[in-house]
Every structure is written in structure tokens, then in C-alpha cells.
Amino acid sequence: MIRKIKNDLKIKKLHLHQFRKTFAQRLYENGCSVEIIQKLLDHSDIKTTMIYLEIYNETVKSEFFKYQKTK
């Protein structure tokens, strides 16, 4: 199936993990917690899940300040 999609769309490189990464990233961008994404991807270690996610500095800052306000 991946080969057919790759050929139909004339994409040189296409791997199944690209779909997993996109799935994880979209979940994260829409507010899903890293822990839930970890479970959905069936990762035993959160570090593996973090490899899939691109968490930008602005996101880290805003989450940090949200956390500080709740203390």
C-alpha cells in the first residue's frame, strides 16, 4: 500500500513511520497530552514518543508559564 501511494504521488521517499510521526504531531498540536500519545503509539518509554514530536520553544515557554500561574 505504501509503495502504491508513493508511486501514485510520485514521492521519492515515503516510510510508514512518517505517518506515525504526523499522527503524533497532529494529536499534540491539538492538545493531546504526551502521555496519551505515548499510549496510542504503544511506546514503553516516553523518550521514544518525544522523538516523534517537535515541541517548539514557544510551546515550552507557554506551558511553563501556565504551570507557574497554577502554583
PDB file of N, CA and C in Angstrom:
ATOM      1  N   MET A   1       0.827  -1.187   0.000  1.00  0.00           N
ATOM      2  CA  MET A   1       0.000   0.000   0.000  1.00  0.00           C
ATOM      3  C   MET A   1       0.877   1.259   0.000  1.00  0.00           C
ATOM      4  N   ILE A   2       1.915   1.260   0.850  1.00  0.00           N
ATOM      5  CA  ILE A   2       2.809   2.419   0.912  1.00  0.00           C
ATOM      6  C   ILE A   2       3.474   2.624  -0.445  1.00  0.00           C
ATOM      7  N   ARG A   3       3.894   1.529  -1.061  1.00  0.00           N
ATOM      8  CA  ARG A   3       4.543   1.620  -2.379  1.00  0.00           C
ATOM      9  C   ARG A   3       3.591   2.228  -3.409  1.00  0.00           C
ATOM     10  N   LYS A   4       2.320   1.832  -3.377  1.00  0.00           N
ATOM     11  CA  LYS A   4       1.339   2.371  -4.323  1.00  0.00           C
ATOM     12  C   LYS A   4       1.138   3.866  -4.109  1.00  0.00           C
ATOM     13  N   ILE A   5       0.995   4.282  -2.859  1.00  0.00           N
ATOM     14  CA  ILE A   5       0.839   5.709  -2.556  1.00  0.00           C
ATOM     15  C   ILE A   5       2.062   6.478  -3.031  1.00  0.00           C
ATOM     16  N   LYS A   6       3.218   5.943  -2.733  1.00  0.00           N
ATOM     17  CA  LYS A   6       4.477   6.573  -3.132  1.00  0.00           C
ATOM     18  C   LYS A   6       4.537   6.743  -4.645  1.00  0.00           C
ATOM     19  N   ASN A   7       4.187   5.702  -5.375  1.00  0.00           N
ATOM     20  CA  ASN A   7       4.214   5.763  -6.839  1.00  0.00           C
ATOM     21  C   ASN A   7       3.144   6.690  -7.389  1.00  0.00           C
ATOM     22  N   ASP A   8       1.936   6.608  -6.845  1.00  0.00           N
ATOM     23  CA  ASP A   8       0.834   7.452  -7.328  1.00  0.00           C
ATOM     24  C   ASP A   8       1.126   8.937  -7.130  1.00  0.00           C
ATOM     25  N   LEU A   9       1.738   9.265  -6.006  1.00  0.00           N
ATOM     26  CA  LEU A   9       2.025  10.672  -5.699  1.00  0.00           C
ATOM     27  C   LEU A   9       3.411  11.113  -6.170  1.00  0.00           C
ATOM     28  N   LYS A  10       4.146  10.169  -6.764  1.00  0.00           N
ATOM     29  CA  LYS A  10       5.499  10.451  -7.266  1.00  0.00           C
ATOM     30  C   LYS A  10       6.409  11.009  -6.169  1.00  0.00           C
ATOM     31  N   ILE A  11       6.360  10.339  -5.024  1.00  0.00           N
ATOM     32  CA  ILE A  11       7.189  10.707  -3.880  1.00  0.00           C
ATOM     33  C   ILE A  11       8.390   9.777  -3.858  1.00  0.00           C
ATOM     34  N   LYS A  12       9.582  10.346  -3.723  1.00  0.00           N
ATOM     35  CA  LYS A  12      10.795   9.521  -3.733  1.00  0.00           C
ATOM     36  C   LYS A  12      10.926   8.691  -2.464  1.00  0.00           C
ATOM     37  N   LYS A  13      10.745   9.324  -1.302  1.00  0.00           N
ATOM     38  CA  LYS A  13      10.883   8.617  -0.031  1.00  0.00           C
ATOM     39  C   LYS A  13       9.583   8.718   0.757  1.00  0.00           C
ATOM     40  N   LEU A  14       9.084   7.590   1.160  1.00  0.00           N
ATOM     41  CA  LEU A  14       7.883   7.554   1.987  1.00  0.00           C
ATOM     42  C   LEU A  14       7.977   6.316   2.873  1.00  0.00           C
ATOM     43  N   HIS A  15       7.904   6.534   4.173  1.00  0.00           N
ATOM     44  CA  HIS A  15       8.032   5.449   5.127  1.00  0.00           C
ATOM     45  C   HIS A  15       6.847   5.458   6.081  1.00  0.00           C
ATOM     46  N   LEU A  16       6.496   4.295   6.566  1.00  0.00           N
ATOM     47  CA  LEU A  16       5.371   4.156   7.490  1.00  0.00           C
ATOM     48  C   LEU A  16       5.547   5.031   8.731  1.00  0.00           C
ATOM     49  N   HIS A  17       6.771   5.177   9.207  1.00  0.00           N
ATOM     50  CA  HIS A  17       6.999   5.992  10.398  1.00  0.00           C
ATOM     51  C   HIS A  17       6.676   7.471  10.162  1.00  0.00           C
ATOM     52  N   GLN A  18       6.686   7.905   8.919  1.00  0.00           N
ATOM     53  CA  GLN A  18       6.283   9.281   8.629  1.00  0.00           C
ATOM     54  C   GLN A  18       4.805   9.480   8.972  1.00  0.00           C
ATOM     55  N   PHE A  19       3.986   8.469   8.718  1.00  0.00           N
ATOM     56  CA  PHE A  19       2.572   8.548   9.076  1.00  0.00           C
ATOM     57  C   PHE A  19       2.397   8.564  10.592  1.00  0.00           C
ATOM     58  N   ARG A  20       3.152   7.735  11.304  1.00  0.00           N
ATOM     59  CA  ARG A  20       3.091   7.712  12.770  1.00  0.00           C
ATOM     60  C   ARG A  20       3.517   9.053  13.352  1.00  0.00           C
ATOM     61  N   LYS A  21       4.568   9.623  12.782  1.00  0.00           N
ATOM     62  CA  LYS A  21       5.073  10.909  13.264  1.00  0.00           C
ATOM     63  C   LYS A  21       4.032  12.013  13.031  1.00  0.00           C
ATOM     64  N   THR A  22       3.444  12.031  11.844  1.00  0.00           N
ATOM     65  CA  THR A  22       2.416  13.027  11.538  1.00  0.00           C
ATOM     66  C   THR A  22       1.209  12.852  12.459  1.00  0.00           C
ATOM     67  N   PHE A  23       0.787  11.628  12.674  1.00  0.00           N
ATOM     68  CA  PHE A  23      -0.323  11.333  13.568  1.00  0.00           C
ATOM     69  C   PHE A  23      -0.039  11.873  14.967  1.00  0.00           C
ATOM     70  N   ALA A  24       1.144  11.556  15.480  1.00  0.00           N
ATOM     71  CA  ALA A  24       1.524  12.002  16.821  1.00  0.00           C
ATOM     72  C   ALA A  24       1.609  13.525  16.889  1.00  0.00           C
ATOM     73  N   GLN A  25       2.200  14.136  15.895  1.00  0.00           N
ATOM     74  CA  GLN A  25       2.367  15.595  15.893  1.00  0.00           C
ATOM     75  C   GLN A  25       1.017  16.299  15.858  1.00  0.00           C
ATOM     76  N   ARG A  26       0.101  15.815  15.027  1.00  0.00           N
ATOM     77  CA  ARG A  26      -1.237  16.445  14.927  1.00  0.00           C
ATOM     78  C   ARG A  26      -1.999  16.304  16.251  1.00  0.00           C
ATOM     79  N   LEU A  27      -1.885  15.143  16.871  1.00  0.00           N
ATOM     80  CA  LEU A  27      -2.529  14.971  18.175  1.00  0.00           C
ATOM     81  C   LEU A  27      -1.986  15.981  19.174  1.00  0.00           C
ATOM     82  N   TYR A  28      -0.669  16.107  19.220  1.00  0.00           N
ATOM     83  CA  TYR A  28      -0.029  17.023  20.160  1.00  0.00           C
ATOM     84  C   TYR A  28      -0.443  18.469  19.881  1.00  0.00           C
ATOM     85  N   GLU A  29      -0.433  18.859  18.616  1.00  0.00           N
ATOM     86  CA  GLU A  29      -0.799  20.234  18.245  1.00  0.00           C
ATOM     87  C   GLU A  29      -2.253  20.548  18.588  1.00  0.00           C
ATOM     88  N   ASN A  30      -3.080  19.521  18.679  1.00  0.00           N
ATOM     89  CA  ASN A  30      -4.493  19.728  19.001  1.00  0.00           C
ATOM     90  C   ASN A  30      -4.805  19.485  20.474  1.00  0.00           C
ATOM     91  N   GLY A  31      -3.748  19.479  21.302  1.00  0.00           N
ATOM     92  CA  GLY A  31      -3.965  19.465  22.741  1.00  0.00           C
ATOM     93  C   GLY A  31      -3.890  18.115  23.426  1.00  0.00           C
ATOM     94  N   CYS A  32      -3.580  17.073  22.713  1.00  0.00           N
ATOM     95  CA  CYS A  32      -3.471  15.752  23.327  1.00  0.00           C
ATOM     96  C   CYS A  32      -2.189  15.693  24.162  1.00  0.00           C
ATOM     97  N   SER A  33      -2.258  15.100  25.323  1.00  0.00           N
ATOM     98  CA  SER A  33      -1.086  15.032  26.191  1.00  0.00           C
ATOM     99  C   SER A  33      -0.069  14.027  25.650  1.00  0.00           C
ATOM    100  N   VAL A  34       1.180  14.252  25.999  1.00  0.00           N
ATOM    101  CA  VAL A  34       2.263  13.366  25.565  1.00  0.00           C
ATOM    102  C   VAL A  34       2.041  11.955  26.101  1.00  0.00           C
ATOM    103  N   GLU A  35       1.502  11.853  27.299  1.00  0.00           N
ATOM    104  CA  GLU A  35       1.261  10.538  27.893  1.00  0.00           C
ATOM    105  C   GLU A  35       0.232   9.739  27.089  1.00  0.00           C
ATOM    106  N   ILE A  36      -0.814  10.406  26.617  1.00  0.00           N
ATOM    107  CA  ILE A  36      -1.838   9.732  25.809  1.00  0.00           C
ATOM    108  C   ILE A  36      -1.245   9.320  24.466  1.00  0.00           C
ATOM    109  N   ILE A  37      -0.467  10.207  23.859  1.00  0.00           N
ATOM    110  CA  ILE A  37       0.183   9.882  22.585  1.00  0.00           C
ATOM    111  C   ILE A  37       1.107   8.684  22.769  1.00  0.00           C
ATOM    112  N   GLN A  38       1.820   8.656  23.886  1.00  0.00           N
ATOM    113  CA  GLN A  38       2.696   7.522  24.192  1.00  0.00           C
ATOM    114  C   GLN A  38       1.896   6.219  24.185  1.00  0.00           C
ATOM    115  N   LYS A  39       0.733   6.233  24.823  1.00  0.00           N
ATOM    116  CA  LYS A  39      -0.112   5.035  24.877  1.00  0.00           C
ATOM    117  C   LYS A  39      -0.619   4.653  23.490  1.00  0.00           C
ATOM    118  N   LEU A  40      -1.055   5.653  22.716  1.00  0.00           N
ATOM    119  CA  LEU A  40      -1.572   5.378  21.379  1.00  0.00           C
ATOM    120  C   LEU A  40      -0.506   4.789  20.454  1.00  0.00           C
ATOM    121  N   LEU A  41       0.727   5.250  20.615  1.00  0.00           N
ATOM    122  CA  LEU A  41       1.822   4.734  19.791  1.00  0.00           C
ATOM    123  C   LEU A  41       2.422   3.454  20.367  1.00  0.00           C
ATOM    124  N   ASP A  42       1.939   3.074  21.542  1.00  0.00           N
ATOM    125  CA  ASP A  42       2.389   1.851  22.219  1.00  0.00           C
ATOM    126  C   ASP A  42       3.888   1.887  22.531  1.00  0.00           C
ATOM    127  N   HIS A  43       4.348   3.042  23.004  1.00  0.00           N
ATOM    128  CA  HIS A  43       5.744   3.183  23.416  1.00  0.00           C
ATOM    129  C   HIS A  43       5.855   2.899  24.906  1.00  0.00           C
ATOM    130  N   SER A  44       6.837   2.107  25.291  1.00  0.00           N
ATOM    131  CA  SER A  44       7.028   1.823  26.711  1.00  0.00           C
ATOM    132  C   SER A  44       7.798   2.955  27.394  1.00  0.00           C
ATOM    133  N   ASP A  45       8.550   3.721  26.625  1.00  0.00           N
ATOM    134  CA  ASP A  45       9.363   4.809  27.180  1.00  0.00           C
ATOM    135  C   ASP A  45       8.934   6.144  26.566  1.00  0.00           C
ATOM    136  N   ILE A  46       8.677   7.122  27.400  1.00  0.00           N
ATOM    137  CA  ILE A  46       8.244   8.450  26.939  1.00  0.00           C
ATOM    138  C   ILE A  46       9.299   9.100  26.040  1.00  0.00           C
ATOM    139  N   LYS A  47      10.561   8.737  26.229  1.00  0.00           N
ATOM    140  CA  LYS A  47      11.632   9.295  25.395  1.00  0.00           C
ATOM    141  C   LYS A  47      11.430   8.934  23.928  1.00  0.00           C
ATOM    142  N   THR A  48      10.926   7.750  23.676  1.00  0.00           N
ATOM    143  CA  THR A  48      10.657   7.330  22.301  1.00  0.00           C
ATOM    144  C   THR A  48       9.566   8.201  21.698  1.00  0.00           C
ATOM    145  N   THR A  49       8.544   8.484  22.467  1.00  0.00           N
ATOM    146  CA  THR A  49       7.452   9.339  21.996  1.00  0.00           C
ATOM    147  C   THR A  49       7.967  10.741  21.697  1.00  0.00           C
ATOM    148  N   MET A  50       8.837  11.236  22.537  1.00  0.00           N
ATOM    149  CA  MET A  50       9.370  12.589  22.338  1.00  0.00           C
ATOM    150  C   MET A  50      10.149  12.713  21.030  1.00  0.00           C
ATOM    151  N   ILE A  51      10.733  11.627  20.572  1.00  0.00           N
ATOM    152  CA  ILE A  51      11.440  11.647  19.284  1.00  0.00           C
ATOM    153  C   ILE A  51      10.460  11.971  18.158  1.00  0.00           C
ATOM    154  N   TYR A  52       9.234  11.504  18.284  1.00  0.00           N
ATOM    155  CA  TYR A  52       8.222  11.717  17.257  1.00  0.00           C
ATOM    156  C   TYR A  52       7.698  13.154  17.233  1.00  0.00           C
ATOM    157  N   LEU A  53       7.794  13.836  18.355  1.00  0.00           N
ATOM    158  CA  LEU A  53       7.174  15.163  18.467  1.00  0.00           C
ATOM    159  C   LEU A  53       8.181  16.281  18.286  1.00  0.00           C
ATOM    160  N   GLU A  54       7.729  17.314  17.622  1.00  0.00           N
ATOM    161  CA  GLU A  54       8.527  18.526  17.501  1.00  0.00           C
ATOM    162  C   GLU A  54       7.885  19.551  18.429  1.00  0.00           C
ATOM    163  N   ILE A  55       8.496  19.726  19.575  1.00  0.00           N
ATOM    164  CA  ILE A  55       7.960  20.673  20.547  1.00  0.00           C
ATOM    165  C   ILE A  55       8.822  21.919  20.471  1.00  0.00           C
ATOM    166  N   TYR A  56       8.217  22.970  20.010  1.00  0.00           N
ATOM    167  CA  TYR A  56       8.943  24.200  19.746  1.00  0.00           C
ATOM    168  C   TYR A  56       9.119  25.015  21.021  1.00  0.00           C
ATOM    169  N   ASN A  57      10.138  25.860  21.033  1.00  0.00           N
ATOM    170  CA  ASN A  57      10.456  26.673  22.211  1.00  0.00           C
ATOM    171  C   ASN A  57       9.263  27.486  22.697  1.00  0.00           C
ATOM    172  N   GLU A  58       8.483  28.031  21.788  1.00  0.00           N
ATOM    173  CA  GLU A  58       7.316  28.828  22.190  1.00  0.00           C
ATOM    174  C   GLU A  58       6.320  27.975  22.970  1.00  0.00           C
ATOM    175  N   THR A  59       6.135  26.746  22.563  1.00  0.00           N
ATOM    176  CA  THR A  59       5.222  25.838  23.268  1.00  0.00           C
ATOM    177  C   THR A  59       5.746  25.546  24.659  1.00  0.00           C
ATOM    178  N   VAL A  60       7.039  25.292  24.749  1.00  0.00           N
ATOM    179  CA  VAL A  60       7.648  25.010  26.049  1.00  0.00           C
ATOM    180  C   VAL A  60       7.480  26.212  26.972  1.00  0.00           C
ATOM    181  N   LYS A  61       7.739  27.407  26.470  1.00  0.00           N
ATOM    182  CA  LYS A  61       7.596  28.623  27.284  1.00  0.00           C
ATOM    183  C   LYS A  61       6.162  28.808  27.759  1.00  0.00           C
ATOM    184  N   SER A  62       5.204  28.667  26.852  1.00  0.00           N
ATOM    185  CA  SER A  62       3.808  28.900  27.243  1.00  0.00           C
ATOM    186  C   SER A  62       3.342  27.863  28.260  1.00  0.00           C
ATOM    187  N   GLU A  63       3.743  26.604  28.087  1.00  0.00           N
ATOM    188  CA  GLU A  63       3.376  25.571  29.060  1.00  0.00           C
ATOM    189  C   GLU A  63       4.016  25.841  30.418  1.00  0.00           C
ATOM    190  N   PHE A  64       5.254  26.288  30.407  1.00  0.00           N
ATOM    191  CA  PHE A  64       5.953  26.600  31.640  1.00  0.00           C
ATOM    192  C   PHE A  64       5.232  27.717  32.393  1.00  0.00           C
ATOM    193  N   PHE A  65       4.866  28.777  31.673  1.00  0.00           N
ATOM    194  CA  PHE A  65       4.202  29.907  32.332  1.00  0.00           C
ATOM    195  C   PHE A  65       2.797  29.545  32.803  1.00  0.00           C
ATOM    196  N   LYS A  66       2.105  28.681  32.077  1.00  0.00           N
ATOM    197  CA  LYS A  66       0.794  28.188  32.531  1.00  0.00           C
ATOM    198  C   LYS A  66       0.962  27.432  33.839  1.00  0.00           C
ATOM    199  N   TYR A  67       1.973  26.605  33.895  1.00  0.00           N
ATOM    200  CA  TYR A  67       2.253  25.811  35.099  1.00  0.00           C
ATOM    201  C   TYR A  67       2.601  26.724  36.271  1.00  0.00           C
ATOM    202  N   GLN A  68       3.398  27.749  36.027  1.00  0.00           N
ATOM    203  CA  GLN A  68       3.801  28.680  37.081  1.00  0.00           C
ATOM    204  C   GLN A  68       2.601  29.428  37.669  1.00  0.00           C
ATOM    205  N   LYS A  69       1.653  29.771  36.813  1.00  0.00           N
ATOM    206  CA  LYS A  69       0.463  30.510  37.271  1.00  0.00           C
ATOM    207  C   LYS A  69      -0.423  29.654  38.163  1.00  0.00           C
ATOM    208  N   THR A  70      -0.382  28.333  37.993  1.00  0.00           N
ATOM    209  CA  THR A  70      -1.245  27.460  38.794  1.00  0.00           C
ATOM    210  C   THR A  70      -0.640  27.163  40.155  1.00  0.00           C
ATOM    211  N   LYS A  71       0.619  27.501  40.355  1.00  0.00           N
ATOM    212  CA  LYS A  71       1.276  27.234  41.638  1.00  0.00           C
ATOM    213  C   LYS A  71       0.907  28.257  42.682  1.00  0.00           C
TER     214      LYS A  71
END
